[in-house]
Each structure stands twice: as C-alpha cells, then as structure tokens.
Amino acid sequence: MGCTSSKTHKLDEILPEKGIPVPDTAVNGNLDDNWFHENVSREDAENLLGAPSISRGTFLVRNSEHGSGPFVISVCDINEQGHRDVKHHYIKYGGPRINFYIFQDQSFKTLDELIHHYSNNPIELSCQLTHPYSETESRKYVKVLPKIN
C-alpha cells in the first residue's frame, strides 16, 4: 500500500491531467507529506483508515482516480451503528477565482487553507478532520500472516 516517502512533491510531478490546471501557488508550491499520500488508491485508503487503531477524524489527501476533482480527502468516521466508515470527499478546483472546494458555497485559495478549515469545522455528511494519517499509526495494528512453505 504505497504511502509517500518523506520528500515533498512538486505539484506538476504528481497531479494527473484533469480539467483546469492547478497552479503551484495554489498548493504553496509543494504538497505536505503529513497529509498527502500520492499513490494511495481508494481501496488502500479504506484499508488504512478502516484499521481498528485509527481514530475518528484521521484523514489523508490523495490523487483522485476519477475525473471528479484533482484530489480526494479520505476520512475515518463512525457510522450510526458504531462501525468505522471511511468517507471520500472530492476536492475540486475551479480556477484562480473559484479555487479549491468540496462544496461550491465555500472555496479556498490553497489546499492548506481547505485542510485547516475542515480541521476546525466538520465536513458536511462527515466528521471534523482531527489529524493526518501516518504510517506509524497504522503499525499499531498489524496483521501477521503465517508463512506458507
């Protein structure tokens, strides 16, 4: 399950060609390794954030696998039955005047601003972002499979 290395990423190195080009200045030139996981798929995000050791509000930002936006926030939530439920919110980019948004009524100039806002305010239909996913957090719960000879 490929999480990013400790290096920062230039936007033009990782952003898939989708819709309106996102300028480097919109992500402060680099993506933050604390919350950005370049090569994590939707399925990987569900496995990582759905682990028993992961707390509600743990999130990561990843590249979108589809054309609904350049990025996705995946966040661990708890459903009404008390079970983990990983939710995915497309982050869309509407150009320099609209910027980044999840819902059209609120946009942000940078991804950092969007993350900061939803760290202080719950995302509609989901929970508040509490802290970024880290590989060390996932090591708290590791399923060891027996070797097959």
Foldseek 3Di string as FASTA:
>chain_A
DAFDDQDWDFCVVQFDDADDDDDCVQAPRTPHSFAEGEPQAPVNLCVQCQDPLHDFQAWHKYAHPDRPAGIKIWTWFADPVRHTDIDIFHWHQDPQVQGTDRDSVDHDSHPVVVLVVQCVPPDVVGGGRPGYDDPVSSVVDDDDDDDDD
